[in-house]
Amino acid sequence: MNYHIAIRMRPVVVNYPFVIENLELTNKCPMKCIMCVRTYKMTRPQGFMDAEIFKKIIDEIVQINPPFIHKNGLWLHHFGESLLHPEFDKMISYCSARGVKVGLSLNPIMLTENIADRLIKAKPNLLYFAMDGHDDESFFKIRGIANAFNKSKENILRFLKLKENNKSKVRVVISMIDFAENSHSMEEMHFFWKRQRGINEVFKKPFTDWNGDVEEITNMIESHKLPVKNKTKQNNTKPATCSTPWLKMSITWDGDVVPCCNDYDKKYVLGNVNNNTLSEIWNGDKIKDLRRELRANVVRNELCRNCRSLG
């Protein structure tokens, strides 16, 4: 079958289990990162996920798709700093008890001795430490927090000792955004972090303009020589190939379910776990409408229309 025809024939209702890509413990964050849509345009209320709602979500995920969740795991973040949640460690521990592998992307400025100890004891599987810049000045230009690089560096080094002392198996990755403002820092810091015992990888995280609707971020694309963003998918002969609504969803702190990790401001809410199960939302009216839109190749919704991931 022709590939383009096959894309247009994707089912509106799917009979296989969903995957949860991101589960947001909170959308609060102390950072003001220049490459994050949260800094410029996130207007939704801020808060913390209720612990009982969290357990309900985890229980359903384990029941519906145990092979995926035990093998590939779950990211406990979306658009916020998860370590701000007062019960972050209890939530990670709950996942561990249910056999769910947990990954987190964290700002190491948050790793106080107490937080680090709680984090190690909770037994996450994977930690990405977002560590841009090579000194306080370069860190501030990217992450928007003054006098934070050296403190973040000290926190990571202390955490690595804690990891070793506790014989923790957590995989630790230093994550640096791969864009022009960070090029010098990546060269300088890659060698340093690779030499540190307990660091499993130094990762160049690809630059993204999320769903393409924040001008301040899309303007950075030119300096980084990334492809020109897609135009609205109206009257476009090239099919929309995004497969996300056929594979996975993400959940915000208040229980709203959104199509993907690019939906920073809940532009396309599929449902809420307080009102429906994830399984009901997975083939509910809103996601079926989104699948029809992509299948028909006439994408006008606010979330997707400018996204480079359309195809």
C-alpha atoms as a PDB file:
ATOM      1  CA  MET A   1       0.000   0.000   0.000  1.00  0.00           C
ATOM      2  CA  ASN A   2       1.212   3.518  -0.788  1.00  0.00           C
ATOM      3  CA  TYR A   3       2.638   5.181   2.336  1.00  0.00           C
ATOM      4  CA  HIS A   4       0.579   8.352   1.956  1.00  0.00           C
ATOM      5  CA  ILE A   5      -2.608   6.358   1.491  1.00  0.00           C
ATOM      6  CA  ALA A   6      -1.820   4.298   4.579  1.00  0.00           C
ATOM      7  CA  ILE A   7      -1.416   7.490   6.656  1.00  0.00           C
ATOM      8  CA  ARG A   8      -4.800   8.755   5.539  1.00  0.00           C
ATOM      9  CA  MET A   9      -6.399   5.414   6.444  1.00  0.00           C
ATOM     10  CA  ARG A  10      -5.251   5.394  10.071  1.00  0.00           C
ATOM     11  CA  PRO A  11      -8.195   4.412  12.308  1.00  0.00           C
ATOM     12  CA  VAL A  12     -10.101   6.985  14.326  1.00  0.00           C
ATOM     13  CA  VAL A  13     -10.663   4.424  17.089  1.00  0.00           C
ATOM     14  CA  VAL A  14      -7.660   2.344  18.127  1.00  0.00           C
ATOM     15  CA  ASN A  15      -7.836  -0.993  19.906  1.00  0.00           C
ATOM     16  CA  TYR A  16      -4.371  -1.069  21.475  1.00  0.00           C
ATOM     17  CA  PRO A  17      -3.337   0.449  24.835  1.00  0.00           C
ATOM     18  CA  PHE A  18      -2.195   4.020  25.282  1.00  0.00           C
ATOM     19  CA  VAL A  19       1.158   5.256  26.548  1.00  0.00           C
ATOM     20  CA  ILE A  20       1.526   8.187  28.944  1.00  0.00           C
ATOM     21  CA  GLU A  21       4.504  10.253  27.815  1.00  0.00           C
ATOM     22  CA  ASN A  22       4.617  12.860  30.593  1.00  0.00           C
ATOM     23  CA  LEU A  23       2.912  13.009  33.970  1.00  0.00           C
ATOM     24  CA  GLU A  24       3.194  16.478  35.463  1.00  0.00           C
ATOM     25  CA  LEU A  25       3.661  16.672  39.228  1.00  0.00           C
ATOM     26  CA  THR A  26       3.642  20.481  39.058  1.00  0.00           C
ATOM     27  CA  ASN A  27       3.957  23.305  36.530  1.00  0.00           C
ATOM     28  CA  LYS A  28       5.728  25.544  39.033  1.00  0.00           C
ATOM     29  CA  CYS A  29       9.359  26.273  38.230  1.00  0.00           C
ATOM     30  CA  PRO A  30      11.981  28.756  39.481  1.00  0.00           C
ATOM     31  CA  MET A  31      13.774  28.955  36.130  1.00  0.00           C
ATOM     32  CA  LYS A  32      13.290  31.516  33.352  1.00  0.00           C
ATOM     33  CA  CYS A  33      14.886  29.604  30.490  1.00  0.00           C
ATOM     34  CA  ILE A  34      15.161  31.455  27.180  1.00  0.00           C
ATOM     35  CA  MET A  35      14.350  28.292  25.178  1.00  0.00           C
ATOM     36  CA  CYS A  36      11.254  27.298  27.160  1.00  0.00           C
ATOM     37  CA  VAL A  37       7.716  28.200  26.117  1.00  0.00           C
ATOM     38  CA  ARG A  38       6.759  28.296  29.777  1.00  0.00           C
ATOM     39  CA  THR A  39       8.846  31.449  30.221  1.00  0.00           C
ATOM     40  CA  TYR A  40       6.958  33.381  27.555  1.00  0.00           C
ATOM     41  CA  LYS A  41       3.405  32.125  27.200  1.00  0.00           C
ATOM     42  CA  MET A  42       2.199  29.710  29.847  1.00  0.00           C
ATOM     43  CA  THR A  43      -0.948  31.253  31.342  1.00  0.00           C
ATOM     44  CA  ARG A  44      -2.678  28.257  32.924  1.00  0.00           C
ATOM     45  CA  PRO A  45      -2.999  28.096  36.730  1.00  0.00           C
ATOM     46  CA  GLN A  46      -0.066  26.651  38.645  1.00  0.00           C
ATOM     47  CA  GLY A  47      -0.378  23.921  41.229  1.00  0.00           C
ATOM     48  CA  PHE A  48       0.551  20.464  42.458  1.00  0.00           C
ATOM     49  CA  MET A  49      -0.918  17.113  41.483  1.00  0.00           C
ATOM     50  CA  ASP A  50      -3.027  15.513  44.196  1.00  0.00           C
ATOM     51  CA  ALA A  51      -1.412  12.338  45.548  1.00  0.00           C
ATOM     52  CA  GLU A  52      -4.603  10.281  45.271  1.00  0.00           C
ATOM     53  CA  ILE A  53      -5.143  11.324  41.661  1.00  0.00           C
ATOM     54  CA  PHE A  54      -1.530  10.381  40.976  1.00  0.00           C
ATOM     55  CA  LYS A  55      -2.066   6.893  42.411  1.00  0.00           C
ATOM     56  CA  LYS A  56      -5.245   6.472  40.395  1.00  0.00           C
ATOM     57  CA  ILE A  57      -3.353   7.328  37.204  1.00  0.00           C
ATOM     58  CA  ILE A  58      -0.451   4.986  37.977  1.00  0.00           C
ATOM     59  CA  ASP A  59      -2.808   2.140  38.878  1.00  0.00           C
ATOM     60  CA  GLU A  60      -4.649   2.422  35.563  1.00  0.00           C
ATOM     61  CA  ILE A  61      -1.438   2.691  33.547  1.00  0.00           C
ATOM     62  CA  VAL A  62      -0.078  -0.463  35.181  1.00  0.00           C
ATOM     63  CA  GLN A  63      -3.328  -2.290  34.548  1.00  0.00           C
ATOM     64  CA  ILE A  64      -3.705  -1.219  30.909  1.00  0.00           C
ATOM     65  CA  ASN A  65      -0.148  -1.327  29.561  1.00  0.00           C
ATOM     66  CA  PRO A  66       2.165  -3.205  31.946  1.00  0.00           C
ATOM     67  CA  PRO A  67       4.711  -4.319  29.291  1.00  0.00           C
ATOM     68  CA  PHE A  68       5.470  -0.745  28.271  1.00  0.00           C
ATOM     69  CA  ILE A  69       5.487   0.812  31.706  1.00  0.00           C
ATOM     70  CA  HIS A  70       7.773  -1.845  33.206  1.00  0.00           C
ATOM     71  CA  LYS A  71      10.194  -1.777  30.286  1.00  0.00           C
ATOM     72  CA  ASN A  72      10.195   1.843  29.069  1.00  0.00           C
ATOM     73  CA  GLY A  73       8.959   3.758  32.088  1.00  0.00           C
ATOM     74  CA  LEU A  74       7.283   7.092  32.716  1.00  0.00           C
ATOM     75  CA  TRP A  75       8.534  10.704  32.813  1.00  0.00           C
ATOM     76  CA  LEU A  76       7.292  12.439  35.960  1.00  0.00           C
ATOM     77  CA  HIS A  77       7.469  15.954  34.564  1.00  0.00           C
ATOM     78  CA  HIS A  78       5.912  18.134  31.875  1.00  0.00           C
ATOM     79  CA  PHE A  79       6.301  21.915  32.300  1.00  0.00           C
ATOM     80  CA  GLY A  80       7.552  22.343  35.840  1.00  0.00           C
ATOM     81  CA  GLU A  81      10.209  21.376  38.362  1.00  0.00           C
ATOM     82  CA  SER A  82       9.069  18.098  39.913  1.00  0.00           C
ATOM     83  CA  LEU A  83      11.268  18.474  43.001  1.00  0.00           C
ATOM     84  CA  LEU A  84       9.040  21.359  44.118  1.00  0.00           C
ATOM     85  CA  HIS A  85       6.208  18.920  44.782  1.00  0.00           C
ATOM     86  CA  PRO A  86       6.141  18.305  48.560  1.00  0.00           C
ATOM     87  CA  GLU A  87       5.502  14.584  47.998  1.00  0.00           C
ATOM     88  CA  PHE A  88       7.734  13.953  44.976  1.00  0.00           C
ATOM     89  CA  ASP A  89       9.616  11.164  46.744  1.00  0.00           C
ATOM     90  CA  LYS A  90       6.449   9.373  47.850  1.00  0.00           C
ATOM     91  CA  MET A  91       5.176   9.492  44.269  1.00  0.00           C
ATOM     92  CA  ILE A  92       8.396   8.049  42.882  1.00  0.00           C
ATOM     93  CA  SER A  93       8.357   5.355  45.571  1.00  0.00           C
ATOM     94  CA  TYR A  94       4.771   4.478  44.682  1.00  0.00           C
ATOM     95  CA  CYS A  95       5.816   3.961  41.083  1.00  0.00           C
ATOM     96  CA  SER A  96       8.775   1.839  42.144  1.00  0.00           C
ATOM     97  CA  ALA A  97       6.499  -0.328  44.295  1.00  0.00           C
ATOM     98  CA  ARG A  98       4.239  -0.910  41.278  1.00  0.00           C
ATOM     99  CA  GLY A  99       7.197  -1.820  39.064  1.00  0.00           C
ATOM    100  CA  VAL A 100       7.040   1.421  37.079  1.00  0.00           C
ATOM    101  CA  LYS A 101      10.379   2.766  35.871  1.00  0.00           C
ATOM    102  CA  VAL A 102      10.627   6.500  36.600  1.00  0.00           C
ATOM    103  CA  GLY A 103      12.550   9.185  34.738  1.00  0.00           C
ATOM    104  CA  LEU A 104      12.907  12.837  35.743  1.00  0.00           C
ATOM    105  CA  SER A 105      14.460  15.912  34.187  1.00  0.00           C
ATOM    106  CA  LEU A 106      15.603  18.167  37.012  1.00  0.00           C
ATOM    107  CA  ASN A 107      17.267  21.495  37.701  1.00  0.00           C
ATOM    108  CA  PRO A 108      20.240  20.691  39.974  1.00  0.00           C
ATOM    109  CA  ILE A 109      19.929  24.044  41.750  1.00  0.00           C
ATOM    110  CA  MET A 110      17.092  22.263  43.611  1.00  0.00           C
ATOM    111  CA  LEU A 111      19.329  19.473  44.955  1.00  0.00           C
ATOM    112  CA  THR A 112      19.727  20.518  48.562  1.00  0.00           C
ATOM    113  CA  GLU A 113      21.135  17.843  50.872  1.00  0.00           C
ATOM    114  CA  ASN A 114      17.634  16.980  52.085  1.00  0.00           C
ATOM    115  CA  ILE A 115      16.123  16.825  48.600  1.00  0.00           C
ATOM    116  CA  ALA A 116      19.016  14.741  47.283  1.00  0.00           C
ATOM    117  CA  ASP A 117      18.677  12.256  50.145  1.00  0.00           C
ATOM    118  CA  ARG A 118      14.939  11.900  49.577  1.00  0.00           C
ATOM    119  CA  LEU A 119      15.484  11.486  45.852  1.00  0.00           C
ATOM    120  CA  ILE A 120      18.048   8.693  46.266  1.00  0.00           C
ATOM    121  CA  LYS A 121      15.836   6.829  48.747  1.00  0.00           C
ATOM    122  CA  ALA A 122      12.840   7.021  46.373  1.00  0.00           C
ATOM    123  CA  LYS A 123      14.820   4.968  43.806  1.00  0.00           C
ATOM    124  CA  PRO A 124      14.113   6.597  40.424  1.00  0.00           C
ATOM    125  CA  ASN A 125      15.614   4.835  37.409  1.00  0.00           C
ATOM    126  CA  LEU A 126      16.829   7.788  35.360  1.00  0.00           C
ATOM    127  CA  LEU A 127      17.719  11.387  36.155  1.00  0.00           C
ATOM    128  CA  TYR A 128      18.479  14.081  33.603  1.00  0.00           C
ATOM    129  CA  PHE A 129      20.239  17.045  35.195  1.00  0.00           C
ATOM    130  CA  ALA A 130      19.573  20.140  33.053  1.00  0.00           C
ATOM    131  CA  MET A 131      22.935  21.880  33.272  1.00  0.00           C
ATOM    132  CA  ASP A 132      23.604  24.578  30.683  1.00  0.00           C
ATOM    133  CA  GLY A 133      26.430  27.104  30.594  1.00  0.00           C
ATOM    134  CA  HIS A 134      29.968  26.832  31.970  1.00  0.00           C
ATOM    135  CA  ASP A 135      29.924  29.583  34.618  1.00  0.00           C
ATOM    136  CA  ASP A 136      27.423  31.775  36.464  1.00  0.00           C
ATOM    137  CA  GLU A 137      27.236  34.316  33.643  1.00  0.00           C
ATOM    138  CA  SER A 138      26.567  31.857  30.810  1.00  0.00           C
ATOM    139  CA  PHE A 139      24.123  29.912  32.985  1.00  0.00           C
ATOM    140  CA  PHE A 140      22.189  33.085  33.749  1.00  0.00           C
ATOM    141  CA  LYS A 141      21.912  34.001  30.052  1.00  0.00           C
ATOM    142  CA  ILE A 142      20.295  30.646  29.297  1.00  0.00           C
ATOM    143  CA  ARG A 143      18.458  29.640  32.466  1.00  0.00           C
ATOM    144  CA  GLY A 144      17.636  33.069  33.889  1.00  0.00           C
ATOM    145  CA  ILE A 145      18.805  32.454  37.457  1.00  0.00           C
ATOM    146  CA  ALA A 146      21.711  34.478  38.848  1.00  0.00           C
ATOM    147  CA  ASN A 147      24.645  32.904  40.696  1.00  0.00           C
ATOM    148  CA  ALA A 148      23.342  29.394  40.066  1.00  0.00           C
ATOM    149  CA  PHE A 149      25.942  27.551  37.967  1.00  0.00           C
ATOM    150  CA  ASN A 150      28.562  26.908  40.608  1.00  0.00           C
ATOM    151  CA  LYS A 151      25.920  26.008  43.179  1.00  0.00           C
ATOM    152  CA  SER A 152      24.280  23.608  40.710  1.00  0.00           C
ATOM    153  CA  LYS A 153      27.648  22.045  39.942  1.00  0.00           C
ATOM    154  CA  GLU A 154      28.363  21.556  43.658  1.00  0.00           C
ATOM    155  CA  ASN A 155      24.928  19.985  44.132  1.00  0.00           C
ATOM    156  CA  ILE A 156      25.522  17.473  41.353  1.00  0.00           C
ATOM    157  CA  LEU A 157      28.947  16.480  42.671  1.00  0.00           C
ATOM    158  CA  ARG A 158      27.503  16.003  46.153  1.00  0.00           C
ATOM    159  CA  PHE A 159      24.662  13.925  44.689  1.00  0.00           C
ATOM    160  CA  LEU A 160      27.135  11.699  42.857  1.00  0.00           C
ATOM    161  CA  LYS A 161      28.897  10.935  46.138  1.00  0.00           C
ATOM    162  CA  LEU A 162      25.539  10.156  47.705  1.00  0.00           C
ATOM    163  CA  LYS A 163      24.743   7.866  44.803  1.00  0.00           C
ATOM    164  CA  GLU A 164      28.006   5.988  45.311  1.00  0.00           C
ATOM    165  CA  ASN A 165      27.670   5.782  49.107  1.00  0.00           C
ATOM    166  CA  ASN A 166      24.162   4.346  48.793  1.00  0.00           C
ATOM    167  CA  LYS A 167      25.159   1.989  45.968  1.00  0.00           C
ATOM    168  CA  SER A 168      22.306   3.517  43.977  1.00  0.00           C
ATOM    169  CA  LYS A 169      21.735   2.178  40.478  1.00  0.00           C
ATOM    170  CA  VAL A 170      20.057   5.370  39.231  1.00  0.00           C
ATOM    171  CA  ARG A 171      21.295   6.377  35.793  1.00  0.00           C
ATOM    172  CA  VAL A 172      22.508  10.002  35.777  1.00  0.00           C
ATOM    173  CA  VAL A 173      22.661  12.049  32.575  1.00  0.00           C
ATOM    174  CA  ILE A 174      23.941  15.605  32.219  1.00  0.00           C
ATOM    175  CA  SER A 175      21.648  17.247  29.670  1.00  0.00           C
ATOM    176  CA  MET A 176      22.763  20.338  27.739  1.00  0.00           C
ATOM    177  CA  ILE A 177      20.620  22.097  25.131  1.00  0.00           C
ATOM    178  CA  ASP A 178      22.238  21.928  21.690  1.00  0.00           C
ATOM    179  CA  PHE A 179      21.802  25.474  20.390  1.00  0.00           C
ATOM    180  CA  ALA A 180      23.991  28.431  19.506  1.00  0.00           C
ATOM    181  CA  GLU A 181      23.882  30.076  22.934  1.00  0.00           C
ATOM    182  CA  ASN A 182      25.324  26.924  24.501  1.00  0.00           C
ATOM    183  CA  SER A 183      27.924  25.811  21.938  1.00  0.00           C
ATOM    184  CA  HIS A 184      31.013  27.008  23.823  1.00  0.00           C
ATOM    185  CA  SER A 185      29.734  25.633  27.121  1.00  0.00           C
ATOM    186  CA  MET A 186      29.076  22.192  25.660  1.00  0.00           C
ATOM    187  CA  GLU A 187      32.632  21.898  24.443  1.00  0.00           C
ATOM    188  CA  GLU A 188      34.053  23.010  27.774  1.00  0.00           C
ATOM    189  CA  MET A 189      31.765  21.063  30.086  1.00  0.00           C
ATOM    190  CA  HIS A 190      31.461  17.795  28.143  1.00  0.00           C
ATOM    191  CA  PHE A 191      35.006  16.806  29.078  1.00  0.00           C
ATOM    192  CA  PHE A 192      34.513  17.783  32.732  1.00  0.00           C
ATOM    193  CA  TRP A 193      31.304  15.809  33.262  1.00  0.00           C
ATOM    194  CA  LYS A 194      32.488  12.735  31.368  1.00  0.00           C
ATOM    195  CA  ARG A 195      35.318  12.405  33.914  1.00  0.00           C
ATOM    196  CA  GLN A 196      33.007  12.427  36.944  1.00  0.00           C
ATOM    197  CA  ARG A 197      32.358   9.089  38.566  1.00  0.00           C
ATOM    198  CA  GLY A 198      28.633   8.321  38.582  1.00  0.00           C
ATOM    199  CA  ILE A 199      27.796  10.230  35.389  1.00  0.00           C
ATOM    200  CA  ASN A 200      26.459   7.734  32.846  1.00  0.00           C
ATOM    201  CA  GLU A 201      26.118  10.081  29.871  1.00  0.00           C
ATOM    202  CA  VAL A 202      26.505  13.672  28.737  1.00  0.00           C
ATOM    203  CA  PHE A 203      23.604  14.316  26.401  1.00  0.00           C
ATOM    204  CA  LYS A 204      23.244  17.051  23.784  1.00  0.00           C
ATOM    205  CA  LYS A 205      19.518  17.663  23.937  1.00  0.00           C
ATOM    206  CA  PRO A 206      18.069  18.716  20.560  1.00  0.00           C
ATOM    207  CA  PHE A 207      16.721  22.252  20.380  1.00  0.00           C
ATOM    208  CA  THR A 208      12.973  22.451  19.894  1.00  0.00           C
ATOM    209  CA  ASP A 209      10.488  25.241  19.277  1.00  0.00           C
ATOM    210  CA  TRP A 210       7.769  23.095  20.873  1.00  0.00           C
ATOM    211  CA  ASN A 211       4.517  23.662  18.963  1.00  0.00           C
ATOM    212  CA  GLY A 212       5.936  26.602  17.018  1.00  0.00           C
ATOM    213  CA  ASP A 213       3.794  29.429  18.373  1.00  0.00           C
ATOM    214  CA  VAL A 214       6.332  31.361  20.482  1.00  0.00           C
ATOM    215  CA  GLU A 215       8.131  33.897  18.290  1.00  0.00           C
ATOM    216  CA  GLU A 216      11.005  34.426  20.730  1.00  0.00           C
ATOM    217  CA  ILE A 217      11.895  30.741  20.449  1.00  0.00           C
ATOM    218  CA  THR A 218      11.254  30.216  16.750  1.00  0.00           C
ATOM    219  CA  ASN A 219      13.536  33.202  16.058  1.00  0.00           C
ATOM    220  CA  MET A 220      16.383  31.193  17.579  1.00  0.00           C
ATOM    221  CA  ILE A 221      15.954  28.606  14.824  1.00  0.00           C
ATOM    222  CA  GLU A 222      17.653  30.810  12.241  1.00  0.00           C
ATOM    223  CA  SER A 223      20.821  31.138  14.300  1.00  0.00           C
ATOM    224  CA  HIS A 224      20.831  27.378  14.811  1.00  0.00           C
ATOM    225  CA  LYS A 225      20.160  26.653  11.118  1.00  0.00           C
ATOM    226  CA  LEU A 226      17.144  24.458  11.789  1.00  0.00           C
ATOM    227  CA  PRO A 227      14.532  23.792   9.082  1.00  0.00           C
ATOM    228  CA  VAL A 228      11.863  26.403   8.462  1.00  0.00           C
ATOM    229  CA  LYS A 229       8.796  25.647  10.540  1.00  0.00           C
ATOM    230  CA  ASN A 230       5.760  24.107   8.889  1.00  0.00           C
ATOM    231  CA  LYS A 231       2.898  26.249   7.728  1.00  0.00           C
ATOM    232  CA  THR A 232      -0.705  25.495   8.632  1.00  0.00           C
ATOM    233  CA  LYS A 233      -1.640  22.165   7.086  1.00  0.00           C
ATOM    234  CA  GLN A 234      -4.468  23.535   4.952  1.00  0.00           C
ATOM    235  CA  ASN A 235      -4.538  22.544   1.288  1.00  0.00           C
ATOM    236  CA  ASN A 236      -1.161  20.865   1.675  1.00  0.00           C
ATOM    237  CA  THR A 237      -0.532  17.862  -0.547  1.00  0.00           C
ATOM    238  CA  LYS A 238       2.118  16.464   1.809  1.00  0.00           C
ATOM    239  CA  PRO A 239       0.316  14.379   4.453  1.00  0.00           C
ATOM    240  CA  ALA A 240       0.459  15.094   8.175  1.00  0.00           C
ATOM    241  CA  THR A 241       2.543  12.192   9.431  1.00  0.00           C
ATOM    242  CA  CYS A 242       2.473  12.929  13.188  1.00  0.00           C
ATOM    243  CA  SER A 243       1.578   9.674  14.933  1.00  0.00           C
ATOM    244  CA  THR A 244       1.349  10.947  18.515  1.00  0.00           C
ATOM    245  CA  PRO A 245      -2.487  10.856  18.864  1.00  0.00           C
ATOM    246  CA  TRP A 246      -2.331   7.180  17.865  1.00  0.00           C
ATOM    247  CA  LEU A 247       0.324   6.324  20.442  1.00  0.00           C
ATOM    248  CA  LYS A 248       0.375   8.429  23.601  1.00  0.00           C
ATOM    249  CA  MET A 249      -0.954  11.243  25.763  1.00  0.00           C
ATOM    250  CA  SER A 250       0.360  13.519  28.542  1.00  0.00           C
ATOM    251  CA  ILE A 251      -1.273  14.582  31.815  1.00  0.00           C
ATOM    252  CA  THR A 252      -1.072  17.973  33.564  1.00  0.00           C
ATOM    253  CA  TRP A 253      -0.994  18.481  37.343  1.00  0.00           C
ATOM    254  CA  ASP A 254      -4.760  19.069  37.600  1.00  0.00           C
ATOM    255  CA  GLY A 255      -5.682  15.853  35.786  1.00  0.00           C
ATOM    256  CA  ASP A 256      -6.269  17.312  32.343  1.00  0.00           C
ATOM    257  CA  VAL A 257      -5.083  15.056  29.524  1.00  0.00           C
ATOM    258  CA  VAL A 258      -3.419  16.637  26.484  1.00  0.00           C
ATOM    259  CA  PRO A 259      -2.212  15.077  23.212  1.00  0.00           C
ATOM    260  CA  CYS A 260       1.526  15.557  23.567  1.00  0.00           C
ATOM    261  CA  CYS A 261       4.489  17.005  25.428  1.00  0.00           C
ATOM    262  CA  ASN A 262       4.353  20.197  23.317  1.00  0.00           C
ATOM    263  CA  ASP A 263       1.043  21.292  24.832  1.00  0.00           C
ATOM    264  CA  TYR A 264       2.413  23.657  27.480  1.00  0.00           C
ATOM    265  CA  ASP A 265      -0.762  25.716  27.977  1.00  0.00           C
ATOM    266  CA  LYS A 266      -3.504  23.081  27.540  1.00  0.00           C
ATOM    267  CA  LYS A 267      -4.439  24.259  24.082  1.00  0.00           C
ATOM    268  CA  TYR A 268      -6.133  20.942  23.257  1.00  0.00           C
ATOM    269  CA  VAL A 269      -7.595  19.182  26.304  1.00  0.00           C
ATOM    270  CA  LEU A 270      -8.779  15.626  25.632  1.00  0.00           C
ATOM    271  CA  GLY A 271     -10.477  15.096  28.993  1.00  0.00           C
ATOM    272  CA  ASN A 272      -9.791  14.945  32.718  1.00  0.00           C
ATOM    273  CA  VAL A 273      -8.969  11.910  34.848  1.00  0.00           C
ATOM    274  CA  ASN A 274     -11.300  13.177  37.576  1.00  0.00           C
ATOM    275  CA  ASN A 275     -14.234  12.649  35.227  1.00  0.00           C
ATOM    276  CA  ASN A 276     -13.180   9.740  33.016  1.00  0.00           C
ATOM    277  CA  THR A 277     -10.691   6.918  32.940  1.00  0.00           C
ATOM    278  CA  LEU A 278      -7.652   7.233  30.711  1.00  0.00           C
ATOM    279  CA  SER A 279      -9.030   4.404  28.597  1.00  0.00           C
ATOM    280  CA  GLU A 280     -12.223   6.372  27.966  1.00  0.00           C
ATOM    281  CA  ILE A 281     -10.243   9.493  27.077  1.00  0.00           C
ATOM    282  CA  TRP A 282      -7.976   7.471  24.761  1.00  0.00           C
ATOM    283  CA  ASN A 283     -10.871   6.901  22.377  1.00  0.00           C
ATOM    284  CA  GLY A 284     -13.022   9.857  23.412  1.00  0.00           C
ATOM    285  CA  ASP A 285     -14.572  12.458  21.127  1.00  0.00           C
ATOM    286  CA  LYS A 286     -11.742  14.995  21.403  1.00  0.00           C
ATOM    287  CA  ILE A 287      -8.912  12.677  20.437  1.00  0.00           C
ATOM    288  CA  LYS A 288     -11.007  11.151  17.669  1.00  0.00           C
ATOM    289  CA  ASP A 289     -11.553  14.653  16.268  1.00  0.00           C
ATOM    290  CA  LEU A 290      -7.801  15.235  16.365  1.00  0.00           C
ATOM    291  CA  ARG A 291      -7.106  11.969  14.568  1.00  0.00           C
ATOM    292  CA  ARG A 292      -9.636  12.892  11.873  1.00  0.00           C
ATOM    293  CA  GLU A 293      -7.998  16.291  11.458  1.00  0.00           C
ATOM    294  CA  LEU A 294      -4.541  14.802  10.940  1.00  0.00           C
ATOM    295  CA  ARG A 295      -5.864  12.040   8.737  1.00  0.00           C
ATOM    296  CA  ALA A 296      -7.693  14.529   6.518  1.00  0.00           C
ATOM    297  CA  ASN A 297      -4.552  16.676   6.348  1.00  0.00           C
ATOM    298  CA  VAL A 298      -6.432  19.868   7.229  1.00  0.00           C
ATOM    299  CA  VAL A 299      -4.884  20.839  10.558  1.00  0.00           C
ATOM    300  CA  ARG A 300      -6.286  24.053  11.984  1.00  0.00           C
ATOM    301  CA  ASN A 301      -6.310  23.488  15.747  1.00  0.00           C
ATOM    302  CA  GLU A 302      -4.259  25.926  17.845  1.00  0.00           C
ATOM    303  CA  LEU A 303      -1.905  23.296  19.239  1.00  0.00           C
ATOM    304  CA  CYS A 304      -0.835  21.528  16.045  1.00  0.00           C
ATOM    305  CA  ARG A 305      -1.119  23.971  13.170  1.00  0.00           C
ATOM    306  CA  ASN A 306       2.455  25.327  13.373  1.00  0.00           C
ATOM    307  CA  CYS A 307       4.205  22.278  14.794  1.00  0.00           C
ATOM    308  CA  ARG A 308       7.227  20.990  12.864  1.00  0.00           C
ATOM    309  CA  SER A 309       6.383  17.453  14.006  1.00  0.00           C
ATOM    310  CA  LEU A 310       3.321  17.375  11.762  1.00  0.00           C
ATOM    311  CA  GLY A 311       5.385  15.851   8.977  1.00  0.00           C
END
